[in-house]
Amino acid sequence: METTRERMIVAMAHLVRANGYSGTGLNQIITDARAPKGSMYHHFPAGKEELGEAAIAYYGDVVRSLLERCLGEGSVVDGIERFVDALANQLERSEFYDGCPVGLMAMEVGPANDRLAAATQAAFDLWIASVETHLRAAGVPDATDRATAIIAAVEGGVILARCHRSAAPLRAVSRGIALLAV
């Protein structure tokens, strides 16, 4: 069973996906997490910023797990295609409201908040490392640069898909990634 703290982290991650960091209010988090009012500062003494950091770490790990599952069978190209397809399907199911909370928070807070900037960097680095490991295992040269380009392309594809309210840009990224993963 999820603890109050875990429910708050998940609620924050889901709300940031749709509303961004600034657009996500504490009352909304508490309501969505079915948490008592006083639990916010009990579990997160540094407030929303600490909760945001935890939500980014949580979502970073969720995406890393998805990446690993997708990359774990078949070629790297096939794995990236499965990963992008899963993201495209999620966007379509949410009618393009659910973006990537890591990317959204990175763009929103940028370098203005060291704590959240470090959290978003750590999540992106986790994803890059996952792709890099599989590229290296496949003997792909320049694995670090290619993994970085792949994650950047996917994140850009998510943004374009939300903007266009169509998975087509993200699926185009998937086709283009094949050039980076060989």
N, C-alpha and C. Protein backbone atom coordinates (compact mmCIF):
# COMPACT_ATOMS: atom_id res chain seq x y z
N MET A 1 0.84 -1.18 0.00
CA MET A 1 0.00 0.00 0.00
C MET A 1 0.89 1.25 0.00
N GLU A 2 0.50 2.23 -0.75
CA GLU A 2 1.26 3.48 -0.82
C GLU A 2 1.09 4.29 0.46
N THR A 3 2.19 4.89 0.88
CA THR A 3 2.14 5.79 2.02
C THR A 3 1.64 7.15 1.57
N THR A 4 1.30 7.99 2.54
CA THR A 4 0.89 9.36 2.22
C THR A 4 1.99 10.07 1.44
N ARG A 5 3.22 9.90 1.87
CA ARG A 5 4.36 10.53 1.19
C ARG A 5 4.43 10.09 -0.27
N GLU A 6 4.31 8.78 -0.50
CA GLU A 6 4.38 8.26 -1.87
C GLU A 6 3.21 8.79 -2.72
N ARG A 7 2.03 8.84 -2.15
CA ARG A 7 0.87 9.37 -2.90
C ARG A 7 1.09 10.83 -3.27
N MET A 8 1.71 11.59 -2.38
CA MET A 8 1.98 13.00 -2.67
C MET A 8 2.99 13.15 -3.80
N ILE A 9 4.00 12.32 -3.80
CA ILE A 9 5.02 12.35 -4.87
C ILE A 9 4.39 12.02 -6.21
N VAL A 10 3.59 10.96 -6.25
CA VAL A 10 2.93 10.56 -7.49
C VAL A 10 1.95 11.64 -7.96
N ALA A 11 1.20 12.20 -7.02
CA ALA A 11 0.26 13.27 -7.38
C ALA A 11 1.00 14.47 -7.96
N MET A 12 2.10 14.85 -7.35
CA MET A 12 2.89 15.98 -7.84
C MET A 12 3.38 15.70 -9.26
N ALA A 13 3.93 14.50 -9.49
CA ALA A 13 4.44 14.16 -10.82
C ALA A 13 3.33 14.22 -11.86
N HIS A 14 2.17 13.68 -11.54
CA HIS A 14 1.05 13.69 -12.50
C HIS A 14 0.53 15.10 -12.74
N LEU A 15 0.45 15.88 -11.71
CA LEU A 15 -0.05 17.25 -11.88
C LEU A 15 0.92 18.12 -12.67
N VAL A 16 2.22 17.96 -12.43
CA VAL A 16 3.22 18.73 -13.18
C VAL A 16 3.17 18.34 -14.65
N ARG A 17 2.89 17.07 -14.95
CA ARG A 17 2.79 16.62 -16.35
C ARG A 17 1.75 17.43 -17.11
N ALA A 18 0.68 17.78 -16.45
CA ALA A 18 -0.42 18.48 -17.12
C ALA A 18 -0.36 19.99 -16.93
N ASN A 19 0.08 20.44 -15.75
CA ASN A 19 -0.03 21.86 -15.40
C ASN A 19 1.29 22.60 -15.25
N GLY A 20 2.41 21.91 -15.28
CA GLY A 20 3.68 22.54 -15.00
C GLY A 20 3.86 22.71 -13.50
N TYR A 21 5.05 23.13 -13.11
CA TYR A 21 5.37 23.29 -11.69
C TYR A 21 4.60 24.46 -11.09
N SER A 22 4.64 25.60 -11.72
CA SER A 22 3.96 26.79 -11.19
C SER A 22 2.45 26.62 -11.18
N GLY A 23 1.93 25.86 -12.12
CA GLY A 23 0.49 25.66 -12.22
C GLY A 23 -0.05 24.59 -11.29
N THR A 24 0.84 23.98 -10.52
CA THR A 24 0.43 22.93 -9.59
C THR A 24 0.43 23.50 -8.18
N GLY A 25 -0.73 23.56 -7.58
CA GLY A 25 -0.87 24.13 -6.24
C GLY A 25 -0.84 23.07 -5.15
N LEU A 26 -0.43 23.49 -3.96
CA LEU A 26 -0.34 22.57 -2.83
C LEU A 26 -1.68 21.96 -2.47
N ASN A 27 -2.74 22.74 -2.50
CA ASN A 27 -4.06 22.20 -2.18
C ASN A 27 -4.47 21.12 -3.18
N GLN A 28 -4.13 21.33 -4.43
CA GLN A 28 -4.45 20.35 -5.47
C GLN A 28 -3.68 19.05 -5.22
N ILE A 29 -2.42 19.17 -4.83
CA ILE A 29 -1.59 18.00 -4.54
C ILE A 29 -2.19 17.22 -3.38
N ILE A 30 -2.53 17.92 -2.31
CA ILE A 30 -3.09 17.29 -1.13
C ILE A 30 -4.40 16.59 -1.45
N THR A 31 -5.24 17.25 -2.23
CA THR A 31 -6.52 16.65 -2.63
C THR A 31 -6.30 15.40 -3.47
N ASP A 32 -5.46 15.52 -4.51
CA ASP A 32 -5.23 14.38 -5.40
C ASP A 32 -4.56 13.21 -4.68
N ALA A 33 -3.73 13.51 -3.68
CA ALA A 33 -3.03 12.47 -2.93
C ALA A 33 -3.88 11.91 -1.80
N ARG A 34 -5.06 12.49 -1.59
CA ARG A 34 -5.92 12.09 -0.46
C ARG A 34 -5.10 12.13 0.84
N ALA A 35 -4.43 13.25 1.03
CA ALA A 35 -3.54 13.42 2.18
C ALA A 35 -4.10 14.44 3.16
N PRO A 36 -3.84 14.25 4.43
CA PRO A 36 -4.25 15.26 5.41
C PRO A 36 -3.50 16.57 5.17
N LYS A 37 -4.13 17.69 5.45
CA LYS A 37 -3.53 19.01 5.20
C LYS A 37 -2.14 19.15 5.81
N GLY A 38 -1.97 18.70 7.03
CA GLY A 38 -0.68 18.88 7.71
C GLY A 38 0.43 17.99 7.20
N SER A 39 0.11 17.08 6.30
CA SER A 39 1.12 16.12 5.86
C SER A 39 2.17 16.73 4.93
N MET A 40 1.83 17.81 4.26
CA MET A 40 2.77 18.41 3.32
C MET A 40 4.10 18.73 3.99
N TYR A 41 4.06 19.53 5.01
CA TYR A 41 5.31 19.96 5.64
C TYR A 41 5.86 18.91 6.60
N HIS A 42 5.03 17.94 6.97
CA HIS A 42 5.54 16.81 7.77
C HIS A 42 6.48 15.97 6.90
N HIS A 43 6.02 15.65 5.68
CA HIS A 43 6.81 14.81 4.78
C HIS A 43 7.83 15.59 3.96
N PHE A 44 7.55 16.86 3.73
CA PHE A 44 8.43 17.69 2.90
C PHE A 44 8.66 19.02 3.60
N PRO A 45 9.56 19.04 4.59
CA PRO A 45 9.77 20.26 5.38
C PRO A 45 10.17 21.48 4.55
N ALA A 46 10.83 21.24 3.40
CA ALA A 46 11.23 22.36 2.54
C ALA A 46 10.11 22.73 1.56
N GLY A 47 8.93 22.14 1.73
CA GLY A 47 7.76 22.53 0.96
C GLY A 47 7.71 21.99 -0.46
N LYS A 48 7.08 22.76 -1.31
CA LYS A 48 6.81 22.35 -2.68
C LYS A 48 8.10 22.03 -3.45
N GLU A 49 9.15 22.77 -3.18
CA GLU A 49 10.42 22.53 -3.87
C GLU A 49 10.95 21.12 -3.56
N GLU A 50 10.90 20.72 -2.30
CA GLU A 50 11.36 19.38 -1.92
C GLU A 50 10.46 18.31 -2.53
N LEU A 51 9.16 18.55 -2.54
CA LEU A 51 8.22 17.62 -3.17
C LEU A 51 8.47 17.55 -4.68
N GLY A 52 8.74 18.68 -5.31
CA GLY A 52 9.06 18.69 -6.73
C GLY A 52 10.30 17.87 -7.04
N GLU A 53 11.30 18.01 -6.20
CA GLU A 53 12.53 17.24 -6.36
C GLU A 53 12.24 15.73 -6.26
N ALA A 54 11.43 15.35 -5.28
CA ALA A 54 11.08 13.94 -5.11
C ALA A 54 10.26 13.42 -6.29
N ALA A 55 9.36 14.26 -6.81
CA ALA A 55 8.52 13.86 -7.94
C ALA A 55 9.36 13.66 -9.19
N ILE A 56 10.35 14.50 -9.40
CA ILE A 56 11.23 14.35 -10.56
C ILE A 56 12.06 13.08 -10.43
N ALA A 57 12.58 12.80 -9.23
CA ALA A 57 13.33 11.56 -9.02
C ALA A 57 12.44 10.34 -9.28
N TYR A 58 11.21 10.40 -8.78
CA TYR A 58 10.25 9.31 -8.99
C TYR A 58 10.00 9.11 -10.49
N TYR A 59 9.66 10.19 -11.19
CA TYR A 59 9.33 10.06 -12.60
C TYR A 59 10.58 9.66 -13.40
N GLY A 60 11.74 10.16 -13.01
CA GLY A 60 12.97 9.77 -13.68
C GLY A 60 13.17 8.27 -13.62
N ASP A 61 12.87 7.68 -12.47
CA ASP A 61 13.02 6.24 -12.32
C ASP A 61 11.94 5.48 -13.09
N VAL A 62 10.72 6.01 -13.12
CA VAL A 62 9.65 5.37 -13.90
C VAL A 62 10.04 5.29 -15.37
N VAL A 63 10.55 6.39 -15.90
CA VAL A 63 10.93 6.42 -17.31
C VAL A 63 12.15 5.53 -17.56
N ARG A 64 13.11 5.54 -16.63
CA ARG A 64 14.27 4.66 -16.78
C ARG A 64 13.83 3.20 -16.82
N SER A 65 12.88 2.82 -15.98
CA SER A 65 12.37 1.45 -15.98
C SER A 65 11.70 1.11 -17.31
N LEU A 66 10.91 2.05 -17.83
CA LEU A 66 10.28 1.84 -19.13
C LEU A 66 11.33 1.70 -20.23
N LEU A 67 12.33 2.57 -20.21
CA LEU A 67 13.42 2.48 -21.18
C LEU A 67 14.10 1.12 -21.12
N GLU A 68 14.41 0.67 -19.92
CA GLU A 68 15.10 -0.61 -19.75
C GLU A 68 14.24 -1.76 -20.27
N ARG A 69 12.95 -1.73 -19.99
CA ARG A 69 12.06 -2.78 -20.50
C ARG A 69 12.05 -2.76 -22.03
N CYS A 70 11.94 -1.58 -22.60
CA CYS A 70 11.88 -1.45 -24.06
C CYS A 70 13.20 -1.84 -24.72
N LEU A 71 14.30 -1.46 -24.10
CA LEU A 71 15.61 -1.74 -24.67
C LEU A 71 16.09 -3.16 -24.37
N GLY A 72 15.41 -3.83 -23.48
CA GLY A 72 15.85 -5.15 -23.03
C GLY A 72 15.64 -6.28 -24.01
N GLU A 73 14.89 -6.05 -25.05
CA GLU A 73 14.65 -7.11 -26.03
C GLU A 73 14.80 -6.55 -27.43
N GLY A 74 15.48 -7.30 -28.27
CA GLY A 74 15.68 -6.86 -29.65
C GLY A 74 16.80 -5.84 -29.77
N SER A 75 16.83 -5.17 -30.91
CA SER A 75 17.88 -4.19 -31.17
C SER A 75 17.60 -2.88 -30.43
N VAL A 76 18.61 -2.04 -30.35
CA VAL A 76 18.46 -0.74 -29.72
C VAL A 76 17.42 0.08 -30.50
N VAL A 77 17.47 0.02 -31.81
CA VAL A 77 16.51 0.77 -32.63
C VAL A 77 15.09 0.31 -32.31
N ASP A 78 14.89 -1.00 -32.26
CA ASP A 78 13.55 -1.52 -31.93
C ASP A 78 13.13 -1.09 -30.53
N GLY A 79 14.06 -1.11 -29.59
CA GLY A 79 13.75 -0.71 -28.22
C GLY A 79 13.36 0.75 -28.12
N ILE A 80 14.08 1.61 -28.82
CA ILE A 80 13.75 3.04 -28.82
C ILE A 80 12.39 3.25 -29.48
N GLU A 81 12.12 2.52 -30.55
CA GLU A 81 10.81 2.62 -31.20
C GLU A 81 9.70 2.21 -30.24
N ARG A 82 9.90 1.13 -29.48
CA ARG A 82 8.89 0.71 -28.49
C ARG A 82 8.70 1.77 -27.42
N PHE A 83 9.81 2.37 -26.98
CA PHE A 83 9.77 3.41 -25.96
C PHE A 83 8.98 4.62 -26.46
N VAL A 84 9.31 5.09 -27.65
CA VAL A 84 8.63 6.25 -28.23
C VAL A 84 7.16 5.93 -28.47
N ASP A 85 6.87 4.72 -28.91
CA ASP A 85 5.49 4.32 -29.13
C ASP A 85 4.71 4.36 -27.82
N ALA A 86 5.31 3.91 -26.73
CA ALA A 86 4.65 3.95 -25.42
C ALA A 86 4.36 5.40 -25.02
N LEU A 87 5.32 6.30 -25.25
CA LEU A 87 5.11 7.72 -24.93
C LEU A 87 4.01 8.31 -25.81
N ALA A 88 4.03 7.99 -27.09
CA ALA A 88 3.02 8.51 -28.02
C ALA A 88 1.63 8.03 -27.61
N ASN A 89 1.53 6.76 -27.25
CA ASN A 89 0.23 6.22 -26.82
C ASN A 89 -0.27 6.91 -25.56
N GLN A 90 0.63 7.18 -24.62
CA GLN A 90 0.24 7.88 -23.39
C GLN A 90 -0.24 9.30 -23.70
N LEU A 91 0.46 9.97 -24.59
CA LEU A 91 0.03 11.32 -24.98
C LEU A 91 -1.36 11.28 -25.61
N GLU A 92 -1.57 10.32 -26.49
CA GLU A 92 -2.87 10.21 -27.15
C GLU A 92 -3.98 9.90 -26.13
N ARG A 93 -3.72 9.00 -25.20
CA ARG A 93 -4.72 8.66 -24.18
C ARG A 93 -5.09 9.86 -23.32
N SER A 94 -4.11 10.73 -23.07
CA SER A 94 -4.36 11.91 -22.23
C SER A 94 -4.85 13.10 -23.05
N GLU A 95 -5.09 12.89 -24.33
CA GLU A 95 -5.46 13.96 -25.25
C GLU A 95 -4.41 15.08 -25.24
N PHE A 96 -3.16 14.67 -25.10
CA PHE A 96 -1.97 15.52 -25.19
C PHE A 96 -1.81 16.47 -24.00
N TYR A 97 -2.45 16.14 -22.88
CA TYR A 97 -2.28 16.94 -21.66
C TYR A 97 -1.07 16.47 -20.86
N ASP A 98 -0.78 15.18 -20.88
CA ASP A 98 0.30 14.65 -20.06
C ASP A 98 1.63 14.72 -20.78
N GLY A 99 2.40 15.73 -20.49
CA GLY A 99 3.74 15.84 -21.04
C GLY A 99 4.74 15.17 -20.12
N CYS A 100 5.97 15.49 -20.28
CA CYS A 100 7.03 14.95 -19.44
C CYS A 100 7.31 15.95 -18.32
N PRO A 101 7.05 15.57 -17.05
CA PRO A 101 7.27 16.53 -15.97
C PRO A 101 8.72 16.96 -15.82
N VAL A 102 9.65 16.11 -16.23
CA VAL A 102 11.07 16.47 -16.14
C VAL A 102 11.36 17.60 -17.12
N GLY A 103 10.96 17.42 -18.36
CA GLY A 103 11.19 18.46 -19.37
C GLY A 103 10.44 19.73 -19.05
N LEU A 104 9.18 19.58 -18.62
CA LEU A 104 8.39 20.76 -18.27
C LEU A 104 9.04 21.54 -17.13
N MET A 105 9.48 20.82 -16.11
CA MET A 105 10.09 21.51 -14.98
C MET A 105 11.44 22.12 -15.37
N ALA A 106 12.20 21.42 -16.20
CA ALA A 106 13.50 21.95 -16.64
C ALA A 106 13.32 23.27 -17.39
N MET A 107 12.31 23.31 -18.25
CA MET A 107 12.05 24.55 -19.00
C MET A 107 11.50 25.64 -18.11
N GLU A 108 10.67 25.26 -17.17
CA GLU A 108 9.99 26.25 -16.33
C GLU A 108 10.92 26.87 -15.28
N VAL A 109 11.68 26.04 -14.59
CA VAL A 109 12.51 26.59 -13.51
C VAL A 109 13.93 26.87 -13.98
N GLY A 110 14.37 26.16 -15.02
CA GLY A 110 15.70 26.40 -15.57
C GLY A 110 16.76 26.53 -14.51
N PRO A 111 17.69 27.43 -14.73
CA PRO A 111 18.77 27.61 -13.78
C PRO A 111 18.37 28.46 -12.57
N ALA A 112 17.12 28.91 -12.51
CA ALA A 112 16.70 29.79 -11.42
C ALA A 112 16.54 29.05 -10.09
N ASN A 113 16.46 27.73 -10.13
CA ASN A 113 16.28 26.96 -8.91
C ASN A 113 17.28 25.81 -8.92
N ASP A 114 18.34 25.95 -8.16
CA ASP A 114 19.42 24.95 -8.17
C ASP A 114 18.93 23.56 -7.82
N ARG A 115 18.07 23.47 -6.83
CA ARG A 115 17.60 22.15 -6.36
C ARG A 115 16.81 21.43 -7.47
N LEU A 116 15.87 22.12 -8.08
CA LEU A 116 15.06 21.49 -9.13
C LEU A 116 15.85 21.30 -10.42
N ALA A 117 16.76 22.22 -10.71
CA ALA A 117 17.61 22.05 -11.89
C ALA A 117 18.48 20.80 -11.74
N ALA A 118 19.01 20.58 -10.56
CA ALA A 118 19.83 19.39 -10.30
C ALA A 118 18.99 18.12 -10.43
N ALA A 119 17.76 18.17 -9.96
CA ALA A 119 16.87 17.00 -10.04
C ALA A 119 16.55 16.67 -11.50
N THR A 120 16.26 17.69 -12.30
CA THR A 120 15.94 17.43 -13.71
C THR A 120 17.18 16.93 -14.45
N GLN A 121 18.33 17.51 -14.14
CA GLN A 121 19.56 17.04 -14.77
C GLN A 121 19.83 15.58 -14.43
N ALA A 122 19.63 15.22 -13.17
CA ALA A 122 19.86 13.84 -12.74
C ALA A 122 18.93 12.88 -13.49
N ALA A 123 17.67 13.26 -13.67
CA ALA A 123 16.72 12.40 -14.39
C ALA A 123 17.14 12.24 -15.85
N PHE A 124 17.46 13.34 -16.51
CA PHE A 124 17.91 13.23 -17.90
C PHE A 124 19.18 12.40 -18.00
N ASP A 125 20.12 12.62 -17.08
CA ASP A 125 21.37 11.84 -17.09
C ASP A 125 21.11 10.35 -16.91
N LEU A 126 20.12 10.01 -16.09
CA LEU A 126 19.74 8.61 -15.87
C LEU A 126 19.25 7.99 -17.17
N TRP A 127 18.42 8.72 -17.91
CA TRP A 127 17.90 8.21 -19.18
C TRP A 127 19.00 8.09 -20.22
N ILE A 128 19.85 9.10 -20.28
CA ILE A 128 20.97 9.07 -21.23
C ILE A 128 21.87 7.88 -20.94
N ALA A 129 22.18 7.66 -19.66
CA ALA A 129 23.05 6.54 -19.28
C ALA A 129 22.42 5.20 -19.67
N SER A 130 21.12 5.08 -19.54
CA SER A 130 20.43 3.84 -19.91
C SER A 130 20.59 3.57 -21.40
N VAL A 131 20.33 4.57 -22.21
CA VAL A 131 20.46 4.41 -23.66
C VAL A 131 21.92 4.17 -24.03
N GLU A 132 22.81 4.93 -23.40
CA GLU A 132 24.24 4.78 -23.69
C GLU A 132 24.72 3.36 -23.42
N THR A 133 24.31 2.77 -22.32
CA THR A 133 24.71 1.41 -21.98
C THR A 133 24.30 0.43 -23.08
N HIS A 134 23.10 0.58 -23.58
CA HIS A 134 22.63 -0.33 -24.63
C HIS A 134 23.32 -0.06 -25.97
N LEU A 135 23.60 1.20 -26.25
CA LEU A 135 24.35 1.51 -27.48
C LEU A 135 25.76 0.93 -27.42
N ARG A 136 26.42 1.08 -26.29
CA ARG A 136 27.78 0.53 -26.13
C ARG A 136 27.75 -0.99 -26.30
N ALA A 137 26.78 -1.63 -25.68
CA ALA A 137 26.67 -3.09 -25.76
C ALA A 137 26.46 -3.54 -27.21
N ALA A 138 25.82 -2.69 -28.01
CA ALA A 138 25.59 -3.01 -29.43
C ALA A 138 26.77 -2.61 -30.30
N GLY A 139 27.82 -2.04 -29.69
CA GLY A 139 29.01 -1.65 -30.44
C GLY A 139 28.87 -0.37 -31.22
N VAL A 140 27.91 0.47 -30.84
CA VAL A 140 27.69 1.72 -31.54
C VAL A 140 28.75 2.74 -31.11
N PRO A 141 29.44 3.38 -32.06
CA PRO A 141 30.45 4.38 -31.69
C PRO A 141 29.80 5.67 -31.16
N ASP A 142 30.57 6.43 -30.43
CA ASP A 142 30.10 7.72 -29.88
C ASP A 142 28.79 7.56 -29.10
N ALA A 143 28.73 6.53 -28.27
CA ALA A 143 27.49 6.17 -27.58
C ALA A 143 26.97 7.30 -26.69
N THR A 144 27.86 8.02 -26.03
CA THR A 144 27.41 9.09 -25.14
C THR A 144 26.71 10.19 -25.93
N ASP A 145 27.35 10.64 -27.00
CA ASP A 145 26.76 11.69 -27.83
C ASP A 145 25.45 11.23 -28.47
N ARG A 146 25.42 10.01 -28.95
CA ARG A 146 24.21 9.50 -29.59
C ARG A 146 23.08 9.33 -28.58
N ALA A 147 23.40 8.85 -27.39
CA ALA A 147 22.38 8.69 -26.35
C ALA A 147 21.81 10.06 -25.96
N THR A 148 22.68 11.05 -25.84
CA THR A 148 22.22 12.40 -25.52
C THR A 148 21.30 12.93 -26.62
N ALA A 149 21.69 12.72 -27.87
CA ALA A 149 20.88 13.18 -29.00
C ALA A 149 19.53 12.45 -29.04
N ILE A 150 19.52 11.18 -28.71
CA ILE A 150 18.28 10.40 -28.71
C ILE A 150 17.32 10.93 -27.65
N ILE A 151 17.81 11.12 -26.43
CA ILE A 151 16.94 11.62 -25.36
C ILE A 151 16.46 13.03 -25.69
N ALA A 152 17.34 13.87 -26.22
CA ALA A 152 16.95 15.23 -26.59
C ALA A 152 15.89 15.20 -27.69
N ALA A 153 16.06 14.33 -28.66
CA ALA A 153 15.08 14.22 -29.75
C ALA A 153 13.73 13.74 -29.24
N VAL A 154 13.74 12.75 -28.36
CA VAL A 154 12.48 12.24 -27.81
C VAL A 154 11.79 13.34 -27.00
N GLU A 155 12.54 14.03 -26.17
CA GLU A 155 11.94 15.11 -25.35
C GLU A 155 11.37 16.20 -26.26
N GLY A 156 12.09 16.57 -27.30
CA GLY A 156 11.58 17.54 -28.26
C GLY A 156 10.35 17.03 -28.99
N GLY A 157 10.33 15.74 -29.29
CA GLY A 157 9.17 15.13 -29.94
C GLY A 157 7.94 15.18 -29.05
N VAL A 158 8.13 14.99 -27.75
CA VAL A 158 7.01 15.09 -26.80
C VAL A 158 6.45 16.51 -26.82
N ILE A 159 7.34 17.49 -26.80
CA ILE A 159 6.90 18.89 -26.81
C ILE A 159 6.13 19.21 -28.10
N LEU A 160 6.68 18.80 -29.24
CA LEU A 160 6.00 19.05 -30.51
C LEU A 160 4.66 18.32 -30.60
N ALA A 161 4.61 17.09 -30.08
CA ALA A 161 3.36 16.34 -30.10
C ALA A 161 2.29 17.05 -29.29
N ARG A 162 2.66 17.57 -28.12
CA ARG A 162 1.69 18.31 -27.31
C ARG A 162 1.25 19.57 -28.04
N CYS A 163 2.19 20.27 -28.63
CA CYS A 163 1.88 21.52 -29.34
C CYS A 163 0.93 21.27 -30.51
N HIS A 164 1.18 20.22 -31.26
CA HIS A 164 0.38 19.90 -32.44
C HIS A 164 -0.85 19.06 -32.12
N ARG A 165 -0.92 18.60 -30.87
CA ARG A 165 -1.98 17.67 -30.45
C ARG A 165 -2.08 16.50 -31.41
N SER A 166 -0.90 15.99 -31.69
CA SER A 166 -0.78 14.85 -32.60
C SER A 166 0.51 14.10 -32.24
N ALA A 167 0.44 12.79 -32.30
CA ALA A 167 1.63 11.99 -32.03
C ALA A 167 2.56 11.94 -33.24
N ALA A 168 2.15 12.50 -34.36
CA ALA A 168 2.95 12.44 -35.59
C ALA A 168 4.37 12.97 -35.40
N PRO A 169 4.58 14.13 -34.75
CA PRO A 169 5.97 14.59 -34.58
C PRO A 169 6.81 13.62 -33.75
N LEU A 170 6.22 13.03 -32.73
CA LEU A 170 6.96 12.08 -31.90
C LEU A 170 7.26 10.81 -32.69
N ARG A 171 6.33 10.37 -33.48
CA ARG A 171 6.57 9.17 -34.29
C ARG A 171 7.62 9.45 -35.38
N ALA A 172 7.68 10.70 -35.88
CA ALA A 172 8.73 11.08 -36.84
C ALA A 172 10.09 11.02 -36.16
N VAL A 173 10.14 11.46 -34.91
CA VAL A 173 11.40 11.37 -34.15
C VAL A 173 11.81 9.91 -34.04
N SER A 174 10.86 9.04 -33.79
CA SER A 174 11.16 7.61 -33.66
C SER A 174 11.83 7.09 -34.94
N ARG A 175 11.31 7.48 -36.07
CA ARG A 175 11.90 7.03 -37.34
C ARG A 175 13.30 7.63 -37.52
N GLY A 176 13.50 8.88 -37.12
CA GLY A 176 14.80 9.52 -37.25
C GLY A 176 15.85 8.98 -36.30
N ILE A 177 15.42 8.48 -35.17
CA ILE A 177 16.34 7.96 -34.17
C ILE A 177 17.11 6.76 -34.71
N ALA A 178 16.52 6.02 -35.62
CA ALA A 178 17.21 4.88 -36.19
C ALA A 178 18.57 5.28 -36.75
N LEU A 179 18.68 6.50 -37.25
CA LEU A 179 19.95 6.99 -37.79
C LEU A 179 20.99 7.21 -36.68
N LEU A 180 20.54 7.53 -35.47
CA LEU A 180 21.45 7.78 -34.36
C LEU A 180 21.88 6.50 -33.65
N ALA A 181 21.08 5.46 -33.75
CA ALA A 181 21.30 4.26 -32.95
C ALA A 181 22.05 3.17 -33.70
N VAL A 182 22.61 3.50 -34.85
CA VAL A 182 23.35 2.47 -35.61
C VAL A 182 24.77 2.89 -35.85
